[in-house]
Amino acid sequence: MGAGFASGRECWQFFGVFGTKGYAGAAASTVCFVLLACMLTFIARSKGTADLGRLICPVESRPAYELIGWVLAAIYYSMIIAMTAAGGSLLNQQFGISKGVGGAIIALLCIFTVLGDFERVSKIFRLMVPVLFVVGIATILLTIRADFPQSGPVEGFTPGRMSPNWPVSALVFMAYNTTGMIAMAGNSAINAKDKRNAYAGAIAGTLCLGALTILLLRALLCDMQFSSELDLPMLGFAGRLSPVLAIIYAVILYGAVYSTGASTYYGFSTKLKDSRYKKWIITGGAVIGFLLGLTGFKRLVEFLYPAQGYIGIVFILLIIINFIRELIKPSAKTEN
């Protein structure tokens, strides 16, 4: 449950704008997630590796692996743009603080984390995610139970230009999230104690993601006008449920924004060669990301996330080809 998901903005942009048709999109993306996770599990176990290049690319090619690594690094870098924007929107929406201040804090925290002891800080992230999960699920269920009345129209909302209808939106949502799932799927497959557990984990994980998406969509559709207007609709619903819950949700979500930004920016930094200029590149990159993030979180979700999704579609096509190649190998049929 990343910061984009927990904010509700991502789910609204990809599914909520289509009203009840969004359920079809969420269900379709879930089916695709399950199939893709199983393909990645098969490839990882067949090749005996969780290397991103070998999971994605159907041919043995070091230049191709390097290209894939840099594309993923670019995607990781783009998240510092989105997360500084999300941090700015959060403090502005909840506390009325300037978006520039909220975004600058996230940028500075990410710089200090990546330049410092990331492993030590990552322990805090691992503790934060379960708390976000519990608070997020509780807020979603309480919102559904409250069943707030609609404050405006229930149709006619404008979809994003890069995701104009629910089938395309479902594909882009699935492809966008795939870029973050590949490494986890590969490592889970390799570290599973046997084939049965590997596939059970892949299926259970993706089905849970689908169920959470549908639950979140149900909450957002309780008041569609309200969800449409806010950068962070679930934070808004938390405020309608309880001022105390809103503060708790804001604190936890801000921490999630920070952890998402820092961890993905760290992923980008690993592609940089060690030199005396590396720390300046990391610092300058975060500053540039912050400035780009001032365009606003809603706009970034509308354009940046789908752009990542279209890149993800290319990765998915390569994964499918890779899966077919491994499937027809005689040695793959016995173990996988």
C-alpha atoms as a PDB file:
ATOM      1  CA  MET A   1       0.000   0.000   0.000  1.00  0.00           C
ATOM      2  CA  GLY A   2       2.077   2.872  -1.299  1.00  0.00           C
ATOM      3  CA  ALA A   3       1.487   6.559  -0.753  1.00  0.00           C
ATOM      4  CA  GLY A   4      -0.223   7.037  -4.127  1.00  0.00           C
ATOM      5  CA  PHE A   5      -2.621   4.175  -3.436  1.00  0.00           C
ATOM      6  CA  ALA A   6      -3.371   5.137   0.178  1.00  0.00           C
ATOM      7  CA  SER A   7      -4.104   8.753  -0.802  1.00  0.00           C
ATOM      8  CA  GLY A   8      -6.983   7.567  -3.001  1.00  0.00           C
ATOM      9  CA  ARG A   9      -5.918   9.867  -5.849  1.00  0.00           C
ATOM     10  CA  GLU A  10      -4.464   7.078  -7.948  1.00  0.00           C
ATOM     11  CA  CYS A  11      -7.565   4.876  -7.628  1.00  0.00           C
ATOM     12  CA  TRP A  12      -9.858   7.798  -8.412  1.00  0.00           C
ATOM     13  CA  GLN A  13      -7.907   8.812 -11.512  1.00  0.00           C
ATOM     14  CA  PHE A  14      -7.750   5.296 -12.965  1.00  0.00           C
ATOM     15  CA  PHE A  15     -11.149   3.922 -11.874  1.00  0.00           C
ATOM     16  CA  GLY A  16     -13.316   6.350  -9.884  1.00  0.00           C
ATOM     17  CA  VAL A  17     -13.865   8.810 -12.749  1.00  0.00           C
ATOM     18  CA  PHE A  18     -15.724   6.065 -14.620  1.00  0.00           C
ATOM     19  CA  GLY A  19     -18.212   5.485 -11.807  1.00  0.00           C
ATOM     20  CA  THR A  20     -19.451   1.917 -11.426  1.00  0.00           C
ATOM     21  CA  LYS A  21     -17.660   0.963 -14.656  1.00  0.00           C
ATOM     22  CA  GLY A  22     -14.495   1.384 -12.628  1.00  0.00           C
ATOM     23  CA  TYR A  23     -15.281  -1.921 -10.910  1.00  0.00           C
ATOM     24  CA  ALA A  24     -14.880  -3.696 -14.252  1.00  0.00           C
ATOM     25  CA  GLY A  25     -11.527  -1.982 -14.724  1.00  0.00           C
ATOM     26  CA  ALA A  26     -10.346  -2.932 -11.227  1.00  0.00           C
ATOM     27  CA  ALA A  27     -11.430  -6.543 -11.747  1.00  0.00           C
ATOM     28  CA  ALA A  28      -9.737  -6.738 -15.156  1.00  0.00           C
ATOM     29  CA  SER A  29      -6.483  -5.332 -13.803  1.00  0.00           C
ATOM     30  CA  THR A  30      -6.598  -7.869 -10.957  1.00  0.00           C
ATOM     31  CA  VAL A  31      -6.881 -10.783 -13.391  1.00  0.00           C
ATOM     32  CA  CYS A  32      -3.926  -9.394 -15.354  1.00  0.00           C
ATOM     33  CA  PHE A  33      -1.925  -8.974 -12.135  1.00  0.00           C
ATOM     34  CA  VAL A  34      -2.491 -12.625 -11.220  1.00  0.00           C
ATOM     35  CA  LEU A  35      -1.468 -13.875 -14.672  1.00  0.00           C
ATOM     36  CA  LEU A  36       1.608 -11.656 -14.793  1.00  0.00           C
ATOM     37  CA  ALA A  37       2.718 -12.641 -11.285  1.00  0.00           C
ATOM     38  CA  CYS A  38       2.468 -16.312 -12.256  1.00  0.00           C
ATOM     39  CA  MET A  39       4.487 -15.665 -15.434  1.00  0.00           C
ATOM     40  CA  LEU A  40       7.203 -13.879 -13.458  1.00  0.00           C
ATOM     41  CA  THR A  41       7.252 -16.722 -10.936  1.00  0.00           C
ATOM     42  CA  PHE A  42       7.705 -19.246 -13.744  1.00  0.00           C
ATOM     43  CA  ILE A  43      10.490 -17.224 -15.386  1.00  0.00           C
ATOM     44  CA  ALA A  44      12.347 -16.666 -12.098  1.00  0.00           C
ATOM     45  CA  ARG A  45      12.233 -20.334 -11.144  1.00  0.00           C
ATOM     46  CA  SER A  46      13.074 -21.508 -14.650  1.00  0.00           C
ATOM     47  CA  LYS A  47      16.100 -19.215 -14.948  1.00  0.00           C
ATOM     48  CA  GLY A  48      16.998 -19.443 -11.282  1.00  0.00           C
ATOM     49  CA  THR A  49      17.378 -15.693 -10.908  1.00  0.00           C
ATOM     50  CA  ALA A  50      15.598 -12.581  -9.651  1.00  0.00           C
ATOM     51  CA  ASP A  51      17.716 -10.246 -11.799  1.00  0.00           C
ATOM     52  CA  LEU A  52      15.412  -7.601 -13.294  1.00  0.00           C
ATOM     53  CA  GLY A  53      17.057  -7.700 -16.712  1.00  0.00           C
ATOM     54  CA  ARG A  54      16.761 -11.468 -17.036  1.00  0.00           C
ATOM     55  CA  LEU A  55      13.165 -11.468 -15.756  1.00  0.00           C
ATOM     56  CA  ILE A  56      12.102  -8.908 -18.351  1.00  0.00           C
ATOM     57  CA  CYS A  57      14.340  -9.435 -21.377  1.00  0.00           C
ATOM     58  CA  PRO A  58      13.739 -12.603 -23.458  1.00  0.00           C
ATOM     59  CA  VAL A  59      17.291 -12.620 -24.861  1.00  0.00           C
ATOM     60  CA  GLU A  60      20.665 -12.787 -23.156  1.00  0.00           C
ATOM     61  CA  SER A  61      22.069  -9.311 -23.760  1.00  0.00           C
ATOM     62  CA  ARG A  62      24.094  -7.211 -21.345  1.00  0.00           C
ATOM     63  CA  PRO A  63      23.331  -3.951 -23.243  1.00  0.00           C
ATOM     64  CA  ALA A  64      19.612  -4.780 -23.068  1.00  0.00           C
ATOM     65  CA  TYR A  65      19.876  -5.450 -19.320  1.00  0.00           C
ATOM     66  CA  GLU A  66      21.690  -2.136 -18.879  1.00  0.00           C
ATOM     67  CA  LEU A  67      19.015  -0.287 -20.870  1.00  0.00           C
ATOM     68  CA  ILE A  68      16.241  -1.843 -18.783  1.00  0.00           C
ATOM     69  CA  GLY A  69      18.112  -0.840 -15.629  1.00  0.00           C
ATOM     70  CA  TRP A  70      18.329   2.785 -16.736  1.00  0.00           C
ATOM     71  CA  VAL A  71      14.659   2.893 -17.762  1.00  0.00           C
ATOM     72  CA  LEU A  72      13.696   1.633 -14.311  1.00  0.00           C
ATOM     73  CA  ALA A  73      16.077   4.162 -12.755  1.00  0.00           C
ATOM     74  CA  ALA A  74      14.289   6.934 -14.667  1.00  0.00           C
ATOM     75  CA  ILE A  75      10.952   5.676 -13.340  1.00  0.00           C
ATOM     76  CA  TYR A  76      12.370   5.598  -9.809  1.00  0.00           C
ATOM     77  CA  TYR A  77      13.595   9.157 -10.265  1.00  0.00           C
ATOM     78  CA  SER A  78      10.177  10.334 -11.406  1.00  0.00           C
ATOM     79  CA  MET A  79       8.761   9.250  -8.046  1.00  0.00           C
ATOM     80  CA  ILE A  80      10.680  12.004  -6.236  1.00  0.00           C
ATOM     81  CA  ILE A  81       8.656  14.413  -8.394  1.00  0.00           C
ATOM     82  CA  ALA A  82       5.370  12.735  -7.477  1.00  0.00           C
ATOM     83  CA  MET A  83       6.167  12.344  -3.776  1.00  0.00           C
ATOM     84  CA  THR A  84       7.297  15.949  -3.230  1.00  0.00           C
ATOM     85  CA  ALA A  85       4.026  16.985  -4.893  1.00  0.00           C
ATOM     86  CA  ALA A  86       2.061  14.582  -2.670  1.00  0.00           C
ATOM     87  CA  GLY A  87       3.813  15.842   0.474  1.00  0.00           C
ATOM     88  CA  GLY A  88       3.002  19.421  -0.478  1.00  0.00           C
ATOM     89  CA  SER A  89      -0.651  18.610  -1.181  1.00  0.00           C
ATOM     90  CA  LEU A  90      -0.986  16.717   2.107  1.00  0.00           C
ATOM     91  CA  LEU A  91       0.203  19.503   4.404  1.00  0.00           C
ATOM     92  CA  ASN A  92      -1.757  22.044   2.396  1.00  0.00           C
ATOM     93  CA  GLN A  93      -5.004  20.074   2.469  1.00  0.00           C
ATOM     94  CA  GLN A  94      -4.840  19.092   6.136  1.00  0.00           C
ATOM     95  CA  PHE A  95      -3.072  22.024   7.785  1.00  0.00           C
ATOM     96  CA  GLY A  96      -3.194  24.857   5.229  1.00  0.00           C
ATOM     97  CA  ILE A  97       0.607  24.945   4.899  1.00  0.00           C
ATOM     98  CA  SER A  98       2.078  26.043   1.562  1.00  0.00           C
ATOM     99  CA  LYS A  99       2.549  23.210  -0.912  1.00  0.00           C
ATOM    100  CA  GLY A 100       6.098  24.383  -1.485  1.00  0.00           C
ATOM    101  CA  VAL A 101       6.951  23.873   2.199  1.00  0.00           C
ATOM    102  CA  GLY A 102       5.493  20.366   2.363  1.00  0.00           C
ATOM    103  CA  GLY A 103       7.261  19.335  -0.828  1.00  0.00           C
ATOM    104  CA  ALA A 104      10.594  20.853   0.252  1.00  0.00           C
ATOM    105  CA  ILE A 105      10.513  18.873   3.505  1.00  0.00           C
ATOM    106  CA  ILE A 106      10.057  15.617   1.575  1.00  0.00           C
ATOM    107  CA  ALA A 107      12.897  16.537  -0.798  1.00  0.00           C
ATOM    108  CA  LEU A 108      15.268  17.335   2.073  1.00  0.00           C
ATOM    109  CA  LEU A 109      14.359  14.148   3.954  1.00  0.00           C
ATOM    110  CA  CYS A 110      14.989  12.082   0.821  1.00  0.00           C
ATOM    111  CA  ILE A 111      18.387  13.741   0.270  1.00  0.00           C
ATOM    112  CA  PHE A 112      19.519  13.136   3.858  1.00  0.00           C
ATOM    113  CA  THR A 113      18.239   9.554   3.772  1.00  0.00           C
ATOM    114  CA  VAL A 114      19.905   8.585   0.506  1.00  0.00           C
ATOM    115  CA  LEU A 115      23.187  10.280   1.467  1.00  0.00           C
ATOM    116  CA  GLY A 116      23.085   8.817   4.981  1.00  0.00           C
ATOM    117  CA  ASP A 117      22.516   5.386   6.451  1.00  0.00           C
ATOM    118  CA  PHE A 118      19.625   4.183   4.321  1.00  0.00           C
ATOM    119  CA  GLU A 119      19.597   0.687   5.830  1.00  0.00           C
ATOM    120  CA  ARG A 120      19.052   2.074   9.321  1.00  0.00           C
ATOM    121  CA  VAL A 121      16.223   4.323   8.173  1.00  0.00           C
ATOM    122  CA  SER A 122      14.651   1.531   6.122  1.00  0.00           C
ATOM    123  CA  LYS A 123      13.872  -0.294   9.377  1.00  0.00           C
ATOM    124  CA  ILE A 124      11.538   2.581  10.242  1.00  0.00           C
ATOM    125  CA  PHE A 125       9.872   2.202   6.833  1.00  0.00           C
ATOM    126  CA  ARG A 126       9.215  -1.478   7.497  1.00  0.00           C
ATOM    127  CA  LEU A 127       7.479  -0.584  10.739  1.00  0.00           C
ATOM    128  CA  MET A 128       5.515   2.228   9.097  1.00  0.00           C
ATOM    129  CA  VAL A 129       3.941   0.153   6.311  1.00  0.00           C
ATOM    130  CA  PRO A 130       1.888  -2.159   8.598  1.00  0.00           C
ATOM    131  CA  VAL A 131       0.588   0.899  10.495  1.00  0.00           C
ATOM    132  CA  LEU A 132      -0.402   2.560   7.216  1.00  0.00           C
ATOM    133  CA  PHE A 133      -2.106  -0.660   6.160  1.00  0.00           C
ATOM    134  CA  VAL A 134      -4.186  -0.916   9.347  1.00  0.00           C
ATOM    135  CA  VAL A 135      -5.137   2.779   9.446  1.00  0.00           C
ATOM    136  CA  GLY A 136      -5.828   2.803   5.690  1.00  0.00           C
ATOM    137  CA  ILE A 137      -8.068  -0.269   5.754  1.00  0.00           C
ATOM    138  CA  ALA A 138      -9.921   1.013   8.833  1.00  0.00           C
ATOM    139  CA  THR A 139     -10.559   4.371   7.134  1.00  0.00           C
ATOM    140  CA  ILE A 140     -11.777   2.683   3.949  1.00  0.00           C
ATOM    141  CA  LEU A 141     -14.182   0.402   5.848  1.00  0.00           C
ATOM    142  CA  LEU A 142     -15.470   3.236   8.066  1.00  0.00           C
ATOM    143  CA  THR A 143     -16.067   5.393   4.983  1.00  0.00           C
ATOM    144  CA  ILE A 144     -18.055   2.611   3.313  1.00  0.00           C
ATOM    145  CA  ARG A 145     -20.026   2.065   6.521  1.00  0.00           C
ATOM    146  CA  ALA A 146     -20.760   5.797   6.886  1.00  0.00           C
ATOM    147  CA  ASP A 147     -22.163   5.840   3.327  1.00  0.00           C
ATOM    148  CA  PHE A 148     -21.899   9.611   2.929  1.00  0.00           C
ATOM    149  CA  PRO A 149     -24.546  11.205   0.681  1.00  0.00           C
ATOM    150  CA  GLN A 150     -23.484  12.363  -2.766  1.00  0.00           C
ATOM    151  CA  SER A 151     -22.667  16.075  -2.733  1.00  0.00           C
ATOM    152  CA  GLY A 152     -22.782  16.490  -6.509  1.00  0.00           C
ATOM    153  CA  PRO A 153     -23.116  14.608  -9.802  1.00  0.00           C
ATOM    154  CA  VAL A 154     -22.443  10.878 -10.031  1.00  0.00           C
ATOM    155  CA  GLU A 155     -21.317  10.876 -13.664  1.00  0.00           C
ATOM    156  CA  GLY A 156     -19.698  13.086 -16.282  1.00  0.00           C
ATOM    157  CA  PHE A 157     -16.287  13.300 -14.624  1.00  0.00           C
ATOM    158  CA  THR A 158     -13.427  13.965 -17.038  1.00  0.00           C
ATOM    159  CA  PRO A 159     -10.936  11.086 -17.350  1.00  0.00           C
ATOM    160  CA  GLY A 160      -7.243  11.650 -17.899  1.00  0.00           C
ATOM    161  CA  ARG A 161      -6.092  12.272 -21.461  1.00  0.00           C
ATOM    162  CA  MET A 162      -3.770   9.278 -21.304  1.00  0.00           C
ATOM    163  CA  SER A 163      -6.410   6.955 -19.810  1.00  0.00           C
ATOM    164  CA  PRO A 164      -9.619   7.991 -21.612  1.00  0.00           C
ATOM    165  CA  ASN A 165     -11.782   4.918 -20.890  1.00  0.00           C
ATOM    166  CA  TRP A 166     -11.901   2.150 -18.305  1.00  0.00           C
ATOM    167  CA  PRO A 167     -10.288  -0.654 -20.416  1.00  0.00           C
ATOM    168  CA  VAL A 168      -7.275   1.527 -21.287  1.00  0.00           C
ATOM    169  CA  SER A 169      -7.165   2.855 -17.735  1.00  0.00           C
ATOM    170  CA  ALA A 170      -7.141  -0.684 -16.298  1.00  0.00           C
ATOM    171  CA  LEU A 171      -4.291  -1.679 -18.627  1.00  0.00           C
ATOM    172  CA  VAL A 172      -2.251   1.421 -17.784  1.00  0.00           C
ATOM    173  CA  PHE A 173      -2.874   1.002 -14.038  1.00  0.00           C
ATOM    174  CA  MET A 174      -1.757  -2.612 -14.193  1.00  0.00           C
ATOM    175  CA  ALA A 175       1.289  -1.790 -16.325  1.00  0.00           C
ATOM    176  CA  TYR A 176       2.297   1.130 -14.115  1.00  0.00           C
ATOM    177  CA  ASN A 177       2.179  -0.992 -10.969  1.00  0.00           C
ATOM    178  CA  THR A 178       4.005  -3.824 -12.729  1.00  0.00           C
ATOM    179  CA  THR A 179       7.247  -1.820 -12.730  1.00  0.00           C
ATOM    180  CA  GLY A 180       7.231  -2.012  -8.943  1.00  0.00           C
ATOM    181  CA  MET A 181       6.094  -5.638  -8.779  1.00  0.00           C
ATOM    182  CA  ILE A 182       8.764  -7.313 -10.926  1.00  0.00           C
ATOM    183  CA  ALA A 183      11.549  -7.328  -8.343  1.00  0.00           C
ATOM    184  CA  MET A 184       9.236  -8.524  -5.553  1.00  0.00           C
ATOM    185  CA  ALA A 185       7.733 -11.296  -7.687  1.00  0.00           C
ATOM    186  CA  GLY A 186      11.156 -12.533  -8.759  1.00  0.00           C
ATOM    187  CA  ASN A 187      12.632 -12.559  -5.260  1.00  0.00           C
ATOM    188  CA  SER A 188       9.537 -14.200  -3.778  1.00  0.00           C
ATOM    189  CA  ALA A 189       9.678 -16.959  -6.396  1.00  0.00           C
ATOM    190  CA  ILE A 190      13.350 -17.664  -5.785  1.00  0.00           C
ATOM    191  CA  ASN A 191      13.052 -17.641  -1.982  1.00  0.00           C
ATOM    192  CA  ALA A 192       9.866 -19.720  -1.745  1.00  0.00           C
ATOM    193  CA  LYS A 193      10.462 -23.117  -0.176  1.00  0.00           C
ATOM    194  CA  ASP A 194       8.848 -24.941  -3.106  1.00  0.00           C
ATOM    195  CA  LYS A 195       6.888 -24.463  -6.340  1.00  0.00           C
ATOM    196  CA  ARG A 196       3.486 -24.661  -4.646  1.00  0.00           C
ATOM    197  CA  ASN A 197       4.306 -21.898  -2.173  1.00  0.00           C
ATOM    198  CA  ALA A 198       5.805 -19.727  -4.910  1.00  0.00           C
ATOM    199  CA  TYR A 199       2.629 -19.733  -6.988  1.00  0.00           C
ATOM    200  CA  ALA A 200       0.324 -19.529  -3.948  1.00  0.00           C
ATOM    201  CA  GLY A 201       2.171 -16.412  -2.804  1.00  0.00           C
ATOM    202  CA  ALA A 202       1.997 -14.830  -6.263  1.00  0.00           C
ATOM    203  CA  ILE A 203      -1.739 -15.461  -6.554  1.00  0.00           C
ATOM    204  CA  ALA A 204      -2.588 -14.457  -2.969  1.00  0.00           C
ATOM    205  CA  GLY A 205      -0.580 -11.239  -3.176  1.00  0.00           C
ATOM    206  CA  THR A 206      -2.150 -10.045  -6.409  1.00  0.00           C
ATOM    207  CA  LEU A 207      -5.665 -11.029  -5.345  1.00  0.00           C
ATOM    208  CA  CYS A 208      -5.194  -8.990  -2.159  1.00  0.00           C
ATOM    209  CA  LEU A 209      -4.090  -6.016  -4.242  1.00  0.00           C
ATOM    210  CA  GLY A 210      -7.224  -6.364  -6.371  1.00  0.00           C
ATOM    211  CA  ALA A 211      -9.505  -6.675  -3.336  1.00  0.00           C
ATOM    212  CA  LEU A 212      -7.951  -3.566  -1.761  1.00  0.00           C
ATOM    213  CA  THR A 213      -8.400  -1.616  -4.979  1.00  0.00           C
ATOM    214  CA  ILE A 214     -12.076  -2.557  -5.209  1.00  0.00           C
ATOM    215  CA  LEU A 215     -12.652  -1.680  -1.536  1.00  0.00           C
ATOM    216  CA  LEU A 216     -10.928   1.670  -1.997  1.00  0.00           C
ATOM    217  CA  LEU A 217     -12.977   2.358  -5.118  1.00  0.00           C
ATOM    218  CA  ARG A 218     -16.175   1.606  -3.203  1.00  0.00           C
ATOM    219  CA  ALA A 219     -15.180   4.173  -0.570  1.00  0.00           C
ATOM    220  CA  LEU A 220     -14.320   6.832  -3.162  1.00  0.00           C
ATOM    221  CA  LEU A 221     -17.646   6.373  -4.921  1.00  0.00           C
ATOM    222  CA  CYS A 222     -19.529   7.184  -1.701  1.00  0.00           C
ATOM    223  CA  ASP A 223     -19.208  10.872  -2.631  1.00  0.00           C
ATOM    224  CA  MET A 224     -17.855  11.220  -6.143  1.00  0.00           C
ATOM    225  CA  GLN A 225     -17.772  15.017  -6.290  1.00  0.00           C
ATOM    226  CA  PHE A 226     -15.844  15.113  -3.031  1.00  0.00           C
ATOM    227  CA  SER A 227     -13.327  12.528  -4.289  1.00  0.00           C
ATOM    228  CA  SER A 228     -12.892  14.404  -7.555  1.00  0.00           C
ATOM    229  CA  GLU A 229     -12.116  17.763  -5.962  1.00  0.00           C
ATOM    230  CA  LEU A 230      -9.387  16.722  -3.524  1.00  0.00           C
ATOM    231  CA  ASP A 231      -5.749  15.892  -4.219  1.00  0.00           C
ATOM    232  CA  LEU A 232      -5.916  13.299  -1.421  1.00  0.00           C
ATOM    233  CA  PRO A 233      -9.529  12.134  -1.174  1.00  0.00           C
ATOM    234  CA  MET A 234      -9.019   9.463   1.510  1.00  0.00           C
ATOM    235  CA  LEU A 235      -7.490  12.063   3.795  1.00  0.00           C
ATOM    236  CA  GLY A 236     -10.620  14.119   3.190  1.00  0.00           C
ATOM    237  CA  PHE A 237     -12.887  11.206   4.097  1.00  0.00           C
ATOM    238  CA  ALA A 238     -10.824  10.602   7.250  1.00  0.00           C
ATOM    239  CA  GLY A 239     -11.539  14.221   8.228  1.00  0.00           C
ATOM    240  CA  ARG A 240     -15.266  13.741   7.700  1.00  0.00           C
ATOM    241  CA  LEU A 241     -15.191  10.664   9.920  1.00  0.00           C
ATOM    242  CA  SER A 242     -13.169  12.227  12.762  1.00  0.00           C
ATOM    243  CA  PRO A 243     -10.743  15.157  13.156  1.00  0.00           C
ATOM    244  CA  VAL A 244      -8.496  12.894  15.238  1.00  0.00           C
ATOM    245  CA  LEU A 245      -8.497  10.193  12.561  1.00  0.00           C
ATOM    246  CA  ALA A 246      -7.632  12.838   9.968  1.00  0.00           C
ATOM    247  CA  ILE A 247      -4.525  13.886  11.917  1.00  0.00           C
ATOM    248  CA  ILE A 248      -3.473  10.263  12.422  1.00  0.00           C
ATOM    249  CA  TYR A 249      -4.056   9.521   8.735  1.00  0.00           C
ATOM    250  CA  ALA A 250      -2.148  12.648   7.703  1.00  0.00           C
ATOM    251  CA  VAL A 251       0.877  11.767   9.841  1.00  0.00           C
ATOM    252  CA  ILE A 252       0.978   8.156   8.651  1.00  0.00           C
ATOM    253  CA  LEU A 253       0.402   9.126   5.019  1.00  0.00           C
ATOM    254  CA  TYR A 254       3.123  11.775   5.164  1.00  0.00           C
ATOM    255  CA  GLY A 255       5.474   9.125   6.486  1.00  0.00           C
ATOM    256  CA  ALA A 256       4.453   6.858   3.611  1.00  0.00           C
ATOM    257  CA  VAL A 257       5.108   9.653   1.115  1.00  0.00           C
ATOM    258  CA  TYR A 258       8.574  10.073   2.613  1.00  0.00           C
ATOM    259  CA  SER A 259       9.338   6.340   2.609  1.00  0.00           C
ATOM    260  CA  THR A 260       8.126   5.921  -0.978  1.00  0.00           C
ATOM    261  CA  GLY A 261      10.139   8.909  -2.143  1.00  0.00           C
ATOM    262  CA  ALA A 262      13.298   7.927  -0.268  1.00  0.00           C
ATOM    263  CA  SER A 263      13.260   4.251  -1.238  1.00  0.00           C
ATOM    264  CA  THR A 264      12.643   4.891  -4.936  1.00  0.00           C
ATOM    265  CA  TYR A 265      15.178   7.736  -5.006  1.00  0.00           C
ATOM    266  CA  TYR A 266      17.673   5.365  -3.405  1.00  0.00           C
ATOM    267  CA  GLY A 267      16.902   2.904  -6.218  1.00  0.00           C
ATOM    268  CA  PHE A 268      17.733   5.634  -8.721  1.00  0.00           C
ATOM    269  CA  SER A 269      20.968   6.527  -6.896  1.00  0.00           C
ATOM    270  CA  THR A 270      22.276   2.957  -7.167  1.00  0.00           C
ATOM    271  CA  LYS A 271      22.672   3.468 -10.921  1.00  0.00           C
ATOM    272  CA  LEU A 272      25.018   6.417 -10.389  1.00  0.00           C
ATOM    273  CA  LYS A 273      28.727   5.693 -10.457  1.00  0.00           C
ATOM    274  CA  ASP A 274      30.681   6.394  -7.291  1.00  0.00           C
ATOM    275  CA  SER A 275      32.531   9.681  -7.680  1.00  0.00           C
ATOM    276  CA  ARG A 276      33.064  12.975  -5.898  1.00  0.00           C
ATOM    277  CA  TYR A 277      30.127  14.364  -7.882  1.00  0.00           C
ATOM    278  CA  LYS A 278      27.608  11.692  -6.848  1.00  0.00           C
ATOM    279  CA  LYS A 279      26.337  13.495  -3.752  1.00  0.00           C
ATOM    280  CA  TRP A 280      25.880  16.698  -5.761  1.00  0.00           C
ATOM    281  CA  ILE A 281      23.959  14.823  -8.465  1.00  0.00           C
ATOM    282  CA  ILE A 282      21.721  13.289  -5.785  1.00  0.00           C
ATOM    283  CA  THR A 283      21.137  16.696  -4.166  1.00  0.00           C
ATOM    284  CA  GLY A 284      20.576  18.522  -7.460  1.00  0.00           C
ATOM    285  CA  GLY A 285      18.295  15.784  -8.742  1.00  0.00           C
ATOM    286  CA  ALA A 286      16.065  16.033  -5.686  1.00  0.00           C
ATOM    287  CA  VAL A 287      15.881  19.823  -6.001  1.00  0.00           C
ATOM    288  CA  ILE A 288      14.891  19.543  -9.661  1.00  0.00           C
ATOM    289  CA  GLY A 289      12.318  16.886  -8.719  1.00  0.00           C
ATOM    290  CA  PHE A 290      10.870  19.214  -6.079  1.00  0.00           C
ATOM    291  CA  LEU A 291      10.564  22.075  -8.585  1.00  0.00           C
ATOM    292  CA  LEU A 292       8.827  19.816 -11.111  1.00  0.00           C
ATOM    293  CA  GLY A 293       6.543  18.580  -8.332  1.00  0.00           C
ATOM    294  CA  LEU A 294       5.178  22.092  -7.855  1.00  0.00           C
ATOM    295  CA  THR A 295       2.980  21.419 -10.909  1.00  0.00           C
ATOM    296  CA  GLY A 296       0.626  19.623  -8.498  1.00  0.00           C
ATOM    297  CA  PHE A 297      -0.114  16.059  -7.426  1.00  0.00           C
ATOM    298  CA  LYS A 298      -3.412  15.779  -9.329  1.00  0.00           C
ATOM    299  CA  ARG A 299      -1.742  16.742 -12.605  1.00  0.00           C
ATOM    300  CA  LEU A 300       1.165  14.378 -12.009  1.00  0.00           C
ATOM    301  CA  VAL A 301      -1.154  11.427 -11.329  1.00  0.00           C
ATOM    302  CA  GLU A 302      -3.018  12.298 -14.533  1.00  0.00           C
ATOM    303  CA  PHE A 303       0.081  12.410 -16.748  1.00  0.00           C
ATOM    304  CA  LEU A 304       3.155  10.951 -15.022  1.00  0.00           C
ATOM    305  CA  TYR A 305       1.624   7.693 -13.772  1.00  0.00           C
ATOM    306  CA  PRO A 306       0.052   6.809 -17.158  1.00  0.00           C
ATOM    307  CA  ALA A 307       3.358   7.608 -18.883  1.00  0.00           C
ATOM    308  CA  GLN A 308       5.018   5.088 -16.588  1.00  0.00           C
ATOM    309  CA  GLY A 309       2.187   2.695 -17.438  1.00  0.00           C
ATOM    310  CA  TYR A 310       2.898   2.893 -21.169  1.00  0.00           C
ATOM    311  CA  ILE A 311       6.538   2.065 -20.451  1.00  0.00           C
ATOM    312  CA  GLY A 312       5.283  -0.801 -18.309  1.00  0.00           C
ATOM    313  CA  ILE A 313       3.258  -2.139 -21.266  1.00  0.00           C
ATOM    314  CA  VAL A 314       6.521  -2.582 -23.184  1.00  0.00           C
ATOM    315  CA  PHE A 315       7.957  -4.473 -20.212  1.00  0.00           C
ATOM    316  CA  ILE A 316       4.848  -6.666 -20.048  1.00  0.00           C
ATOM    317  CA  LEU A 317       5.154  -7.606 -23.734  1.00  0.00           C
ATOM    318  CA  LEU A 318       8.795  -8.554 -23.164  1.00  0.00           C
ATOM    319  CA  ILE A 319       7.833 -10.596 -20.089  1.00  0.00           C
ATOM    320  CA  ILE A 320       5.173 -12.485 -22.077  1.00  0.00           C
ATOM    321  CA  ILE A 321       7.722 -13.311 -24.799  1.00  0.00           C
ATOM    322  CA  ASN A 322      10.215 -14.318 -22.113  1.00  0.00           C
ATOM    323  CA  PHE A 323       7.588 -16.551 -20.475  1.00  0.00           C
ATOM    324  CA  ILE A 324       6.735 -18.287 -23.754  1.00  0.00           C
ATOM    325  CA  ARG A 325      10.425 -18.895 -24.495  1.00  0.00           C
ATOM    326  CA  GLU A 326      10.951 -20.430 -21.077  1.00  0.00           C
ATOM    327  CA  LEU A 327       7.723 -22.430 -21.286  1.00  0.00           C
ATOM    328  CA  ILE A 328       8.782 -24.246 -24.456  1.00  0.00           C
ATOM    329  CA  LYS A 329      12.199 -25.147 -23.025  1.00  0.00           C
ATOM    330  CA  PRO A 330      12.209 -28.867 -22.144  1.00  0.00           C
ATOM    331  CA  SER A 331      14.056 -28.262 -18.867  1.00  0.00           C
ATOM    332  CA  ALA A 332      11.426 -25.763 -17.694  1.00  0.00           C
ATOM    333  CA  LYS A 333       8.475 -28.135 -17.916  1.00  0.00           C
ATOM    334  CA  THR A 334       9.599 -30.477 -15.128  1.00  0.00           C
ATOM    335  CA  GLU A 335      10.410 -27.988 -12.345  1.00  0.00           C
ATOM    336  CA  ASN A 336       7.881 -25.216 -13.000  1.00  0.00           C
END
